[in-house]
Amino acid sequence: MTNSPKPWWQSKTIWGAIGVFIITVAPELGIGVSSDDAAGIGGAVSNIATGVFALFVIFGRLRAKQRIGATPPDDAAG
C-alpha cells in the first residue's frame, strides 16, 4: 500500500459498503420492496444485490493500493 491517501469517493470498498447499507436499510424506510413482495421474488433480488455489494467490498479491499483519508497537515509531520 502506498503512503499517500486517496479521497474516500475513489474507494471501491466505500461504495460497496454504501450499497450494502442502502439495500439493508431501504425496506425499513418503506423504500423498494414491500413486505408482500419480500416473501417472493423481491426478497431474493434484495438478497442477491446485498451479496453482490458484499463481494464488491471484499474485492475492493483486496485490490486496494492506497489508504483512504485526508493528507495530514505538513505541521504534523514533525
Protein backbone atom coordinates (compact mmCIF):
# COMPACT_ATOMS: atom_id res chain seq x y z
CA MET A 1 0.00 0.00 0.00
CA THR A 2 1.30 3.44 -0.82
CA ASN A 3 1.56 6.12 1.83
CA SER A 4 -0.43 8.81 0.04
CA PRO A 5 -4.14 8.55 0.88
CA LYS A 6 -6.86 8.84 -1.75
CA PRO A 7 -10.23 10.60 -1.43
CA TRP A 8 -12.97 8.38 0.02
CA TRP A 9 -15.14 8.61 -3.11
CA GLN A 10 -12.48 6.79 -5.13
CA SER A 11 -12.70 3.70 -2.90
CA LYS A 12 -14.49 0.59 -4.21
CA THR A 13 -14.72 -0.60 -0.61
CA ILE A 14 -16.59 2.52 0.50
CA TRP A 15 -19.02 2.39 -2.47
CA GLY A 16 -19.70 -1.30 -1.90
CA ALA A 17 -20.37 -0.69 1.79
CA ILE A 18 -22.72 2.20 0.93
CA GLY A 19 -24.60 -0.13 -1.45
CA VAL A 20 -24.98 -2.81 1.25
CA PHE A 21 -26.17 -0.16 3.72
CA ILE A 22 -28.78 1.24 1.33
CA ILE A 23 -30.15 -2.18 0.38
CA THR A 24 -30.32 -3.19 4.04
CA VAL A 25 -31.96 -0.02 5.35
CA ALA A 26 -34.27 0.87 2.41
CA PRO A 27 -37.05 -1.66 3.24
CA GLU A 28 -37.14 -0.40 6.83
CA LEU A 29 -37.79 3.10 5.49
CA GLY A 30 -40.56 1.87 3.19
CA ILE A 31 -38.42 2.23 0.07
CA GLY A 32 -38.23 -0.53 -2.50
CA VAL A 33 -39.68 -3.98 -1.86
CA SER A 34 -43.00 -4.22 0.00
CA SER A 35 -43.46 -6.77 2.77
CA ASP A 36 -45.72 -8.86 0.49
CA ASP A 37 -43.07 -8.93 -2.24
CA ALA A 38 -40.28 -9.63 0.23
CA ALA A 39 -41.51 -13.19 0.69
CA GLY A 40 -41.26 -13.83 -3.05
CA ILE A 41 -39.01 -12.55 -5.80
CA GLY A 42 -38.39 -9.17 -4.17
CA GLY A 43 -36.66 -10.73 -1.18
CA ALA A 44 -34.48 -12.86 -3.42
CA VAL A 45 -33.44 -9.87 -5.54
CA SER A 46 -32.58 -7.88 -2.42
CA ASN A 47 -30.52 -10.75 -1.01
CA ILE A 48 -28.66 -11.21 -4.30
CA ALA A 49 -27.93 -7.47 -4.54
CA THR A 50 -26.65 -7.44 -0.95
CA GLY A 51 -24.37 -10.37 -1.74
CA VAL A 52 -23.05 -8.68 -4.89
CA PHE A 53 -22.26 -5.49 -2.99
CA ALA A 54 -20.58 -7.51 -0.22
CA LEU A 55 -18.36 -9.21 -2.80
CA PHE A 56 -17.60 -5.78 -4.27
CA VAL A 57 -16.42 -4.65 -0.80
CA ILE A 58 -14.15 -7.68 -0.45
CA PHE A 59 -12.79 -7.23 -3.99
CA GLY A 60 -12.16 -3.54 -3.39
CA ARG A 61 -10.31 -4.19 -0.15
CA LEU A 62 -8.11 -6.88 -1.68
CA ARG A 63 -7.16 -4.69 -4.65
CA ALA A 64 -6.54 -1.56 -2.55
CA LYS A 65 -3.17 0.06 -3.10
CA GLN A 66 -3.74 3.30 -1.18
CA ARG A 67 -5.13 4.31 2.16
CA ILE A 68 -8.37 6.27 2.35
CA GLY A 69 -8.45 9.67 4.01
CA ALA A 70 -7.13 13.16 4.03
CA THR A 71 -3.47 14.02 3.72
CA PRO A 72 -2.11 15.01 7.14
CA PRO A 73 -1.02 18.63 7.51
CA ASP A 74 2.70 19.33 6.99
CA ASP A 75 2.94 20.60 10.58
CA ALA A 76 2.03 17.17 11.97
CA ALA A 77 4.97 15.53 10.21
CA GLY A 78 7.29 16.84 12.86
